[in-house]
């Protein structure tokens, strides 16, 4: 693991709650089958990750 990798501890408390909730929603949708579109939820997760990464690197 590189030193610039983001870890769960790099997220704020609110971001952690949002990530857990979004992953739960993805899992629930995934139960409907492989043809279900998860891209909207994946984009939300990526946005949160990018925000945490920018904060970690001071940008």
N, C-alpha and C. Protein backbone atom coordinates (compact mmCIF):
# COMPACT_ATOMS: atom_id res chain seq x y z
N UNK A 1 0.85 -1.17 0.00
CA UNK A 1 0.00 0.00 0.00
C UNK A 1 0.89 1.24 0.00
N UNK A 2 0.63 2.15 -0.90
CA UNK A 2 1.41 3.37 -1.01
C UNK A 2 1.00 4.35 0.08
N UNK A 3 1.89 5.27 0.40
CA UNK A 3 1.60 6.23 1.47
C UNK A 3 0.50 7.21 1.09
N UNK A 4 0.22 7.35 -0.21
CA UNK A 4 -0.83 8.28 -0.63
C UNK A 4 -2.20 7.62 -0.75
N UNK A 5 -2.30 6.34 -0.38
CA UNK A 5 -3.59 5.67 -0.38
C UNK A 5 -4.47 6.24 0.71
N UNK A 6 -5.74 6.32 0.42
CA UNK A 6 -6.69 6.83 1.41
C UNK A 6 -7.16 5.68 2.28
N UNK A 7 -7.31 5.94 3.55
CA UNK A 7 -7.75 4.93 4.51
C UNK A 7 -9.08 5.36 5.10
N UNK A 8 -9.76 4.43 5.73
CA UNK A 8 -11.05 4.74 6.33
C UNK A 8 -10.91 5.83 7.40
N UNK A 9 -9.78 5.87 8.08
CA UNK A 9 -9.53 6.88 9.09
C UNK A 9 -9.35 8.29 8.53
N UNK A 10 -9.15 8.40 7.22
CA UNK A 10 -8.97 9.71 6.58
C UNK A 10 -10.30 10.42 6.31
N UNK A 11 -11.40 9.72 6.49
CA UNK A 11 -12.72 10.31 6.26
C UNK A 11 -13.23 10.94 7.55
N UNK A 12 -14.06 11.96 7.40
CA UNK A 12 -14.72 12.55 8.57
C UNK A 12 -15.81 11.58 9.03
N UNK A 13 -16.33 11.84 10.20
CA UNK A 13 -17.41 10.99 10.72
C UNK A 13 -18.61 10.96 9.80
N UNK A 14 -18.99 12.12 9.30
CA UNK A 14 -20.13 12.20 8.39
C UNK A 14 -19.86 11.44 7.10
N UNK A 15 -18.65 11.57 6.56
CA UNK A 15 -18.29 10.85 5.33
C UNK A 15 -18.35 9.34 5.55
N UNK A 16 -17.91 8.89 6.71
CA UNK A 16 -17.95 7.46 7.02
C UNK A 16 -19.39 6.96 7.02
N UNK A 17 -20.28 7.72 7.65
CA UNK A 17 -21.69 7.33 7.70
C UNK A 17 -22.27 7.29 6.30
N UNK A 18 -21.97 8.30 5.48
CA UNK A 18 -22.47 8.34 4.10
C UNK A 18 -21.95 7.16 3.29
N UNK A 19 -20.66 6.84 3.44
CA UNK A 19 -20.08 5.71 2.71
C UNK A 19 -20.75 4.40 3.08
N UNK A 20 -20.95 4.19 4.37
CA UNK A 20 -21.60 2.95 4.82
C UNK A 20 -23.02 2.88 4.26
N UNK A 21 -23.74 4.01 4.31
CA UNK A 21 -25.11 4.03 3.81
C UNK A 21 -25.15 3.78 2.30
N UNK A 22 -24.23 4.39 1.56
CA UNK A 22 -24.21 4.20 0.11
C UNK A 22 -23.85 2.76 -0.25
N UNK A 23 -22.91 2.17 0.48
CA UNK A 23 -22.56 0.78 0.21
C UNK A 23 -23.73 -0.15 0.55
N UNK A 24 -24.46 0.17 1.59
CA UNK A 24 -25.64 -0.63 1.94
C UNK A 24 -26.69 -0.53 0.83
N UNK A 25 -26.89 0.66 0.28
CA UNK A 25 -27.84 0.83 -0.81
C UNK A 25 -27.40 0.06 -2.05
N UNK A 26 -26.08 0.07 -2.32
CA UNK A 26 -25.57 -0.69 -3.47
C UNK A 26 -25.81 -2.18 -3.25
N UNK A 27 -25.58 -2.66 -2.04
CA UNK A 27 -25.80 -4.08 -1.75
C UNK A 27 -27.27 -4.43 -1.92
N UNK A 28 -28.15 -3.56 -1.45
CA UNK A 28 -29.58 -3.82 -1.58
C UNK A 28 -30.00 -3.88 -3.05
N UNK A 29 -29.49 -2.93 -3.84
CA UNK A 29 -29.79 -2.96 -5.27
C UNK A 29 -29.19 -4.19 -5.93
N UNK A 30 -28.02 -4.58 -5.47
CA UNK A 30 -27.35 -5.74 -6.05
C UNK A 30 -28.14 -7.02 -5.88
N UNK A 31 -28.98 -7.07 -4.86
CA UNK A 31 -29.81 -8.25 -4.64
C UNK A 31 -30.84 -8.42 -5.77
N UNK A 32 -31.16 -7.32 -6.45
CA UNK A 32 -32.13 -7.39 -7.53
C UNK A 32 -31.56 -8.07 -8.77
N UNK A 33 -30.24 -8.16 -8.85
CA UNK A 33 -29.62 -8.84 -9.97
C UNK A 33 -28.48 -8.06 -10.56
N UNK A 34 -27.69 -8.70 -11.40
CA UNK A 34 -26.50 -8.05 -11.96
C UNK A 34 -26.80 -6.96 -12.99
N UNK A 35 -28.01 -6.91 -13.50
CA UNK A 35 -28.33 -5.92 -14.53
C UNK A 35 -28.72 -4.56 -13.95
N UNK A 36 -28.79 -4.43 -12.64
CA UNK A 36 -29.18 -3.19 -11.98
C UNK A 36 -28.03 -2.19 -12.06
N UNK A 37 -28.37 -0.94 -12.41
CA UNK A 37 -27.37 0.11 -12.56
C UNK A 37 -27.01 0.71 -11.20
N UNK A 38 -25.73 0.66 -10.85
CA UNK A 38 -25.23 1.20 -9.60
C UNK A 38 -24.38 2.45 -9.81
N UNK A 39 -24.27 2.92 -11.04
CA UNK A 39 -23.33 3.99 -11.37
C UNK A 39 -23.60 5.28 -10.61
N UNK A 40 -24.87 5.61 -10.32
CA UNK A 40 -25.15 6.84 -9.60
C UNK A 40 -24.60 6.78 -8.17
N UNK A 41 -24.74 5.64 -7.53
CA UNK A 41 -24.23 5.49 -6.17
C UNK A 41 -22.70 5.42 -6.18
N UNK A 42 -22.13 4.79 -7.18
CA UNK A 42 -20.68 4.70 -7.29
C UNK A 42 -20.06 6.08 -7.49
N UNK A 43 -20.73 6.94 -8.25
CA UNK A 43 -20.23 8.31 -8.45
C UNK A 43 -20.25 9.08 -7.13
N UNK A 44 -21.28 8.88 -6.32
CA UNK A 44 -21.35 9.54 -5.01
C UNK A 44 -20.20 9.10 -4.12
N UNK A 45 -19.91 7.81 -4.12
CA UNK A 45 -18.80 7.28 -3.32
C UNK A 45 -17.48 7.87 -3.81
N UNK A 46 -17.28 7.90 -5.12
CA UNK A 46 -16.05 8.45 -5.68
C UNK A 46 -15.88 9.92 -5.32
N UNK A 47 -16.97 10.67 -5.31
CA UNK A 47 -16.92 12.09 -4.96
C UNK A 47 -16.46 12.27 -3.51
N UNK A 48 -16.98 11.45 -2.62
CA UNK A 48 -16.59 11.51 -1.21
C UNK A 48 -15.11 11.14 -1.07
N UNK A 49 -14.68 10.11 -1.79
CA UNK A 49 -13.28 9.68 -1.73
C UNK A 49 -12.35 10.77 -2.24
N UNK A 50 -12.72 11.43 -3.32
CA UNK A 50 -11.88 12.51 -3.87
C UNK A 50 -11.79 13.68 -2.90
N UNK A 51 -12.89 14.00 -2.23
CA UNK A 51 -12.87 15.08 -1.26
C UNK A 51 -11.92 14.76 -0.11
N UNK A 52 -11.98 13.54 0.39
CA UNK A 52 -11.10 13.12 1.49
C UNK A 52 -9.64 13.11 1.04
N UNK A 53 -9.41 12.68 -0.19
CA UNK A 53 -8.04 12.65 -0.71
C UNK A 53 -7.47 14.05 -0.85
N UNK A 54 -8.29 14.98 -1.36
CA UNK A 54 -7.83 16.38 -1.47
C UNK A 54 -7.52 16.95 -0.09
N UNK A 55 -8.35 16.66 0.89
CA UNK A 55 -8.13 17.14 2.24
C UNK A 55 -6.84 16.54 2.82
N UNK A 56 -6.60 15.27 2.56
CA UNK A 56 -5.43 14.60 3.08
C UNK A 56 -4.15 15.20 2.52
N UNK A 57 -4.20 15.56 1.25
CA UNK A 57 -3.00 16.09 0.58
C UNK A 57 -2.94 17.60 0.62
N UNK A 58 -3.90 18.24 1.28
CA UNK A 58 -3.87 19.68 1.44
C UNK A 58 -4.12 20.47 0.19
N UNK A 59 -4.95 19.96 -0.71
CA UNK A 59 -5.22 20.65 -1.97
C UNK A 59 -6.58 21.27 -1.95
